[in-house]
Amino acid sequence: MDILTKSKAILILIILTSSCGVKDGSVSTIRKEIVKDFQHQTFNSDELMITINDTINNWKKNQLEGYNYKPTVEVRVDSIIAMNKAKDKIVFAELRRIGEKHISDDLTYMYGVKIEGNWYFFGGPTIVLFRKSPETPHTFEELSDLAYKNIFRHYLKRKSNGELEINEKFFESMENKNLSADGFGSCFECKTFEEYVMYLVKDNWSRRDTTDYTAQ
């Protein structure tokens, strides 16, 4: 499978306040495990995670905008991957610890679309999570818990008989369809969602950040 690409964040910036102590952690952990169990029954999440991480490493290697960051920034992909029923769209989260003496850490919505057998990835909104203290970054466990609460909690819904099923509406926002004009997002010439994805892919690869942050 070809390892392909990602675009810059293209939607609105959502700003939240949070503390380093995540409330209701045990309940959220149980819910996350239910989502992960459902995910493993539905598709091969381990194989897809390898594809995602290989792609991100490729963006880093090529210094794409947003992936040439200071050494103090730590980035991980959250363990939950949400997939639609047709198995051609996914939503996952990127967790970012910005480093010491910073006021916030980040969660970024990440999207994947399968077109003609290949996965293409691009970014969505970033959620800014303010710290209780600039000297105390969120742990990755806390960021994962907050990703569930802010992103994945609407991925699954229950049928009348109590069984879990995929909530297809969860995937609607990734298409970013313009309401007052033709096109998608910033691409008014795009007539289909697939065209929009390829537009984002090309735009992403046109942007490089050659700043040497290790020298700063």
C-alpha atoms as a PDB file:
ATOM      1  CA  MET A   1       0.000   0.000   0.000  1.00  0.00           C
ATOM      2  CA  ASP A   2       1.362   3.394  -0.923  1.00  0.00           C
ATOM      3  CA  ILE A   3       1.998   5.715   1.989  1.00  0.00           C
ATOM      4  CA  LEU A   4       0.454   9.049   1.142  1.00  0.00           C
ATOM      5  CA  THR A   5      -0.210  12.391   2.588  1.00  0.00           C
ATOM      6  CA  LYS A   6      -1.759  15.011   4.899  1.00  0.00           C
ATOM      7  CA  SER A   7      -2.872  18.596   4.756  1.00  0.00           C
ATOM      8  CA  LYS A   8      -2.566  21.483   7.160  1.00  0.00           C
ATOM      9  CA  ALA A   9      -5.410  22.041   9.616  1.00  0.00           C
ATOM     10  CA  ILE A  10      -8.171  23.620   7.557  1.00  0.00           C
ATOM     11  CA  LEU A  11     -11.088  24.128   9.872  1.00  0.00           C
ATOM     12  CA  ILE A  12     -11.818  26.285  12.890  1.00  0.00           C
ATOM     13  CA  LEU A  13      -9.627  26.380  15.970  1.00  0.00           C
ATOM     14  CA  ILE A  14     -11.434  25.176  19.061  1.00  0.00           C
ATOM     15  CA  ILE A  15     -10.090  26.435  22.379  1.00  0.00           C
ATOM     16  CA  LEU A  16     -10.860  24.599  25.598  1.00  0.00           C
ATOM     17  CA  THR A  17      -9.647  24.986  29.147  1.00  0.00           C
ATOM     18  CA  SER A  18      -8.540  21.949  31.089  1.00  0.00           C
ATOM     19  CA  SER A  19      -6.653  20.947  34.161  1.00  0.00           C
ATOM     20  CA  CYS A  20      -3.969  18.320  34.408  1.00  0.00           C
ATOM     21  CA  GLY A  21      -6.248  16.274  36.623  1.00  0.00           C
ATOM     22  CA  VAL A  22      -8.777  14.674  34.276  1.00  0.00           C
ATOM     23  CA  LYS A  23     -12.066  14.066  36.030  1.00  0.00           C
ATOM     24  CA  ASP A  24     -14.064  10.858  35.679  1.00  0.00           C
ATOM     25  CA  GLY A  25     -11.011   9.055  34.319  1.00  0.00           C
ATOM     26  CA  SER A  26     -12.110   5.535  35.263  1.00  0.00           C
ATOM     27  CA  VAL A  27     -15.475   5.842  33.505  1.00  0.00           C
ATOM     28  CA  SER A  28     -13.826   7.305  30.418  1.00  0.00           C
ATOM     29  CA  THR A  29     -11.229   4.518  30.431  1.00  0.00           C
ATOM     30  CA  ILE A  30     -13.971   1.896  30.442  1.00  0.00           C
ATOM     31  CA  ARG A  31     -15.709   3.624  27.549  1.00  0.00           C
ATOM     32  CA  LYS A  32     -12.460   3.886  25.608  1.00  0.00           C
ATOM     33  CA  GLU A  33     -11.878   0.161  26.038  1.00  0.00           C
ATOM     34  CA  ILE A  34     -15.363  -0.537  24.654  1.00  0.00           C
ATOM     35  CA  VAL A  35     -14.558   1.604  21.603  1.00  0.00           C
ATOM     36  CA  LYS A  36     -11.202  -0.130  21.123  1.00  0.00           C
ATOM     37  CA  ASP A  37     -12.805  -3.570  21.413  1.00  0.00           C
ATOM     38  CA  PHE A  38     -15.420  -2.599  18.817  1.00  0.00           C
ATOM     39  CA  GLN A  39     -12.674  -1.219  16.580  1.00  0.00           C
ATOM     40  CA  HIS A  40     -10.665  -4.454  16.708  1.00  0.00           C
ATOM     41  CA  GLN A  41     -13.739  -6.465  15.797  1.00  0.00           C
ATOM     42  CA  THR A  42     -14.533  -4.209  12.851  1.00  0.00           C
ATOM     43  CA  PHE A  43     -11.170  -3.827  11.083  1.00  0.00           C
ATOM     44  CA  ASN A  44      -7.427  -4.395  11.429  1.00  0.00           C
ATOM     45  CA  SER A  45      -6.534  -1.305  13.451  1.00  0.00           C
ATOM     46  CA  ASP A  46      -2.931  -2.440  14.029  1.00  0.00           C
ATOM     47  CA  GLU A  47      -2.228  -2.562  10.296  1.00  0.00           C
ATOM     48  CA  LEU A  48      -3.833   0.826   9.765  1.00  0.00           C
ATOM     49  CA  MET A  49      -1.870   2.335  12.661  1.00  0.00           C
ATOM     50  CA  ILE A  50       1.375   1.264  10.972  1.00  0.00           C
ATOM     51  CA  THR A  51       0.274   3.035   7.784  1.00  0.00           C
ATOM     52  CA  ILE A  52      -0.596   6.192   9.721  1.00  0.00           C
ATOM     53  CA  ASN A  53       2.697   6.297  11.638  1.00  0.00           C
ATOM     54  CA  ASP A  54       4.742   5.571   8.511  1.00  0.00           C
ATOM     55  CA  THR A  55       2.952   8.445   6.793  1.00  0.00           C
ATOM     56  CA  ILE A  56       3.625  10.876   9.634  1.00  0.00           C
ATOM     57  CA  ASN A  57       7.289   9.866   9.653  1.00  0.00           C
ATOM     58  CA  ASN A  58       7.342  10.617   5.927  1.00  0.00           C
ATOM     59  CA  TRP A  59       5.907  14.100   6.572  1.00  0.00           C
ATOM     60  CA  LYS A  60       8.616  14.686   9.201  1.00  0.00           C
ATOM     61  CA  LYS A  61      11.353  13.485   6.857  1.00  0.00           C
ATOM     62  CA  ASN A  62      10.154  15.855   4.131  1.00  0.00           C
ATOM     63  CA  GLN A  63       9.722  18.749   6.588  1.00  0.00           C
ATOM     64  CA  LEU A  64       6.116  19.391   5.692  1.00  0.00           C
ATOM     65  CA  GLU A  65       4.488  22.373   7.360  1.00  0.00           C
ATOM     66  CA  GLY A  66       3.409  21.492  10.888  1.00  0.00           C
ATOM     67  CA  TYR A  67       5.766  18.483  11.088  1.00  0.00           C
ATOM     68  CA  ASN A  68       9.116  20.225  11.392  1.00  0.00           C
ATOM     69  CA  TYR A  69       8.851  21.199  15.025  1.00  0.00           C
ATOM     70  CA  LYS A  70      11.152  21.874  17.932  1.00  0.00           C
ATOM     71  CA  PRO A  71      12.714  18.829  19.654  1.00  0.00           C
ATOM     72  CA  THR A  72      10.719  19.658  22.816  1.00  0.00           C
ATOM     73  CA  VAL A  73       7.432  18.894  21.028  1.00  0.00           C
ATOM     74  CA  GLU A  74       6.292  15.280  21.461  1.00  0.00           C
ATOM     75  CA  VAL A  75       3.691  13.835  19.083  1.00  0.00           C
ATOM     76  CA  ARG A  76       1.751  10.569  19.238  1.00  0.00           C
ATOM     77  CA  VAL A  77      -1.233   9.121  17.413  1.00  0.00           C
ATOM     78  CA  ASP A  78      -4.042   8.166  19.792  1.00  0.00           C
ATOM     79  CA  SER A  79      -4.847   4.469  19.973  1.00  0.00           C
ATOM     80  CA  ILE A  80      -8.486   4.879  18.866  1.00  0.00           C
ATOM     81  CA  ILE A  81      -9.240   4.877  15.146  1.00  0.00           C
ATOM     82  CA  ALA A  82     -12.878   5.424  14.177  1.00  0.00           C
ATOM     83  CA  MET A  83     -13.934   3.874  10.849  1.00  0.00           C
ATOM     84  CA  ASN A  84     -17.218   4.249   8.968  1.00  0.00           C
ATOM     85  CA  LYS A  85     -19.382   1.347   7.816  1.00  0.00           C
ATOM     86  CA  ALA A  86     -18.068   1.481   4.244  1.00  0.00           C
ATOM     87  CA  LYS A  87     -14.494   1.222   5.586  1.00  0.00           C
ATOM     88  CA  ASP A  88     -13.303   4.108   3.431  1.00  0.00           C
ATOM     89  CA  LYS A  89     -13.190   6.923   6.009  1.00  0.00           C
ATOM     90  CA  ILE A  90     -11.419   7.165   9.337  1.00  0.00           C
ATOM     91  CA  VAL A  91     -11.080   9.711  12.111  1.00  0.00           C
ATOM     92  CA  PHE A  92      -8.202   9.612  14.582  1.00  0.00           C
ATOM     93  CA  ALA A  93      -6.424  12.071  16.868  1.00  0.00           C
ATOM     94  CA  GLU A  94      -2.903  13.395  17.088  1.00  0.00           C
ATOM     95  CA  LEU A  95      -1.720  14.171  20.619  1.00  0.00           C
ATOM     96  CA  ARG A  96       0.876  16.925  21.058  1.00  0.00           C
ATOM     97  CA  ARG A  97       2.818  17.824  24.187  1.00  0.00           C
ATOM     98  CA  ILE A  98       4.358  21.199  23.401  1.00  0.00           C
ATOM     99  CA  GLY A  99       7.176  21.012  25.946  1.00  0.00           C
ATOM    100  CA  GLU A 100       7.973  22.556  29.293  1.00  0.00           C
ATOM    101  CA  LYS A 101       7.040  26.146  30.213  1.00  0.00           C
ATOM    102  CA  HIS A 102       4.210  26.371  27.703  1.00  0.00           C
ATOM    103  CA  ILE A 103       0.626  27.333  28.469  1.00  0.00           C
ATOM    104  CA  SER A 104      -1.088  24.526  26.537  1.00  0.00           C
ATOM    105  CA  ASP A 105      -0.957  21.197  24.727  1.00  0.00           C
ATOM    106  CA  ASP A 106      -2.933  20.180  21.630  1.00  0.00           C
ATOM    107  CA  LEU A 107      -5.259  17.587  20.159  1.00  0.00           C
ATOM    108  CA  THR A 108      -5.711  17.589  16.389  1.00  0.00           C
ATOM    109  CA  TYR A 109      -8.505  15.874  14.471  1.00  0.00           C
ATOM    110  CA  MET A 110      -6.969  13.726  11.731  1.00  0.00           C
ATOM    111  CA  TYR A 111      -8.896  12.290   8.800  1.00  0.00           C
ATOM    112  CA  GLY A 112      -8.231   9.465   6.373  1.00  0.00           C
ATOM    113  CA  VAL A 113      -9.994   8.612   3.120  1.00  0.00           C
ATOM    114  CA  LYS A 114      -9.499   5.471   1.027  1.00  0.00           C
ATOM    115  CA  ILE A 115      -9.578   6.194  -2.710  1.00  0.00           C
ATOM    116  CA  GLU A 116      -8.883   3.463  -5.268  1.00  0.00           C
ATOM    117  CA  GLY A 117      -7.252   1.279  -2.628  1.00  0.00           C
ATOM    118  CA  ASN A 118      -4.944   3.914  -1.125  1.00  0.00           C
ATOM    119  CA  TRP A 119      -5.275   5.872   2.114  1.00  0.00           C
ATOM    120  CA  TYR A 120      -4.923   9.660   2.003  1.00  0.00           C
ATOM    121  CA  PHE A 121      -4.660  11.643   5.248  1.00  0.00           C
ATOM    122  CA  PHE A 122      -5.303  15.270   6.149  1.00  0.00           C
ATOM    123  CA  GLY A 123      -5.828  17.403   9.235  1.00  0.00           C
ATOM    124  CA  GLY A 124      -8.883  19.010  10.770  1.00  0.00           C
ATOM    125  CA  PRO A 125      -9.464  21.312  13.748  1.00  0.00           C
ATOM    126  CA  THR A 126      -7.002  21.653  16.586  1.00  0.00           C
ATOM    127  CA  ILE A 127      -8.217  21.672  20.174  1.00  0.00           C
ATOM    128  CA  VAL A 128      -6.033  23.779  22.454  1.00  0.00           C
ATOM    129  CA  LEU A 129      -5.890  22.405  26.000  1.00  0.00           C
ATOM    130  CA  PHE A 130      -4.661  24.934  28.525  1.00  0.00           C
ATOM    131  CA  ARG A 131      -2.527  23.619  31.345  1.00  0.00           C
ATOM    132  CA  LYS A 132      -3.077  24.096  35.032  1.00  0.00           C
ATOM    133  CA  SER A 133       0.553  25.232  35.205  1.00  0.00           C
ATOM    134  CA  PRO A 134       2.968  26.072  32.344  1.00  0.00           C
ATOM    135  CA  GLU A 135       5.576  23.837  33.989  1.00  0.00           C
ATOM    136  CA  THR A 136       3.283  20.782  34.006  1.00  0.00           C
ATOM    137  CA  PRO A 137       2.418  19.336  30.575  1.00  0.00           C
ATOM    138  CA  HIS A 138      -0.530  16.995  30.186  1.00  0.00           C
ATOM    139  CA  THR A 139       0.538  13.367  30.187  1.00  0.00           C
ATOM    140  CA  PHE A 140      -0.219  11.351  27.056  1.00  0.00           C
ATOM    141  CA  GLU A 141      -2.696   9.347  29.116  1.00  0.00           C
ATOM    142  CA  GLU A 142      -4.537  12.564  29.971  1.00  0.00           C
ATOM    143  CA  LEU A 143      -4.430  13.725  26.357  1.00  0.00           C
ATOM    144  CA  SER A 144      -5.819  10.368  25.218  1.00  0.00           C
ATOM    145  CA  ASP A 145      -8.620  10.653  27.777  1.00  0.00           C
ATOM    146  CA  LEU A 146      -9.429  14.168  26.575  1.00  0.00           C
ATOM    147  CA  ALA A 147      -9.340  12.992  22.955  1.00  0.00           C
ATOM    148  CA  TYR A 148     -12.011  10.440  23.807  1.00  0.00           C
ATOM    149  CA  LYS A 149     -14.165  12.990  25.612  1.00  0.00           C
ATOM    150  CA  ASN A 150     -13.839  15.681  22.935  1.00  0.00           C
ATOM    151  CA  ILE A 151     -13.606  13.631  19.735  1.00  0.00           C
ATOM    152  CA  PHE A 152     -14.565   9.958  19.979  1.00  0.00           C
ATOM    153  CA  ARG A 153     -17.482   9.940  22.404  1.00  0.00           C
ATOM    154  CA  HIS A 154     -19.952  10.365  19.515  1.00  0.00           C
ATOM    155  CA  TYR A 155     -18.398   7.696  17.270  1.00  0.00           C
ATOM    156  CA  LEU A 156     -20.635   4.849  18.447  1.00  0.00           C
ATOM    157  CA  LYS A 157     -24.308   4.812  19.381  1.00  0.00           C
ATOM    158  CA  ARG A 158     -26.615   2.140  20.764  1.00  0.00           C
ATOM    159  CA  LYS A 159     -29.491   0.509  18.922  1.00  0.00           C
ATOM    160  CA  SER A 160     -32.838   0.030  20.628  1.00  0.00           C
ATOM    161  CA  ASN A 161     -31.696  -3.472  21.653  1.00  0.00           C
ATOM    162  CA  GLY A 162     -28.564  -2.058  23.322  1.00  0.00           C
ATOM    163  CA  GLU A 163     -26.070  -3.196  20.679  1.00  0.00           C
ATOM    164  CA  LEU A 164     -23.416  -0.751  19.524  1.00  0.00           C
ATOM    165  CA  GLU A 165     -23.373   0.574  15.981  1.00  0.00           C
ATOM    166  CA  ILE A 166     -21.359   3.154  14.059  1.00  0.00           C
ATOM    167  CA  ASN A 167     -22.766   6.677  14.029  1.00  0.00           C
ATOM    168  CA  GLU A 168     -22.339   7.685  10.381  1.00  0.00           C
ATOM    169  CA  LYS A 169     -22.996  11.349  11.194  1.00  0.00           C
ATOM    170  CA  PHE A 170     -19.706  11.341  13.100  1.00  0.00           C
ATOM    171  CA  PHE A 171     -17.888  11.408   9.738  1.00  0.00           C
ATOM    172  CA  GLU A 172     -19.870  14.212   8.104  1.00  0.00           C
ATOM    173  CA  SER A 173     -17.695  17.111   9.275  1.00  0.00           C
ATOM    174  CA  MET A 174     -14.604  15.791   7.503  1.00  0.00           C
ATOM    175  CA  GLU A 175     -16.172  16.581   4.116  1.00  0.00           C
ATOM    176  CA  ASN A 176     -16.343  20.292   4.972  1.00  0.00           C
ATOM    177  CA  LYS A 177     -19.007  20.940   2.344  1.00  0.00           C
ATOM    178  CA  ASN A 178     -19.658  24.601   1.609  1.00  0.00           C
ATOM    179  CA  LEU A 179     -23.236  25.560   2.447  1.00  0.00           C
ATOM    180  CA  SER A 180     -23.461  28.870   0.604  1.00  0.00           C
ATOM    181  CA  ALA A 181     -21.442  27.965  -2.487  1.00  0.00           C
ATOM    182  CA  ASP A 182     -20.259  25.029  -4.551  1.00  0.00           C
ATOM    183  CA  GLY A 183     -17.159  23.170  -3.542  1.00  0.00           C
ATOM    184  CA  PHE A 184     -15.564  21.946  -0.331  1.00  0.00           C
ATOM    185  CA  GLY A 185     -13.661  24.033   2.180  1.00  0.00           C
ATOM    186  CA  SER A 186     -11.217  26.341   0.415  1.00  0.00           C
ATOM    187  CA  CYS A 187     -11.565  24.441  -2.878  1.00  0.00           C
ATOM    188  CA  PHE A 188     -14.543  26.007  -4.641  1.00  0.00           C
ATOM    189  CA  GLU A 189     -13.649  24.185  -7.860  1.00  0.00           C
ATOM    190  CA  CYS A 190     -13.893  20.746  -6.245  1.00  0.00           C
ATOM    191  CA  LYS A 191     -17.109  19.024  -7.315  1.00  0.00           C
ATOM    192  CA  THR A 192     -16.635  15.805  -5.336  1.00  0.00           C
ATOM    193  CA  PHE A 193     -15.213  14.917  -1.935  1.00  0.00           C
ATOM    194  CA  GLU A 194     -12.539  12.815  -3.632  1.00  0.00           C
ATOM    195  CA  GLU A 195     -11.402  15.871  -5.610  1.00  0.00           C
ATOM    196  CA  TYR A 196     -11.264  17.833  -2.373  1.00  0.00           C
ATOM    197  CA  VAL A 197      -9.072  15.188  -0.708  1.00  0.00           C
ATOM    198  CA  MET A 198      -6.622  15.252  -3.609  1.00  0.00           C
ATOM    199  CA  TYR A 199      -6.601  19.060  -3.487  1.00  0.00           C
ATOM    200  CA  LEU A 200      -5.604  18.872   0.195  1.00  0.00           C
ATOM    201  CA  VAL A 201      -2.933  16.274  -0.555  1.00  0.00           C
ATOM    202  CA  LYS A 202      -1.308  18.434  -3.241  1.00  0.00           C
ATOM    203  CA  ASP A 203      -1.544  21.561  -1.106  1.00  0.00           C
ATOM    204  CA  ASN A 204       0.119  19.768   1.785  1.00  0.00           C
ATOM    205  CA  TRP A 205       3.075  18.608  -0.283  1.00  0.00           C
ATOM    206  CA  SER A 206       3.554  22.105  -1.688  1.00  0.00           C
ATOM    207  CA  ARG A 207       4.370  23.385   1.813  1.00  0.00           C
ATOM    208  CA  ARG A 208       7.712  22.774   3.478  1.00  0.00           C
ATOM    209  CA  ASP A 209       9.199  24.331   6.583  1.00  0.00           C
ATOM    210  CA  THR A 210      12.988  24.252   6.296  1.00  0.00           C
ATOM    211  CA  THR A 211      13.594  26.106   9.585  1.00  0.00           C
ATOM    212  CA  ASP A 212      16.278  24.395  11.651  1.00  0.00           C
ATOM    213  CA  TYR A 213      14.572  24.362  15.048  1.00  0.00           C
ATOM    214  CA  THR A 214      17.436  22.432  16.628  1.00  0.00           C
ATOM    215  CA  ALA A 215      19.572  25.560  16.294  1.00  0.00           C
ATOM    216  CA  GLN A 216      17.098  27.683  18.253  1.00  0.00           C
END
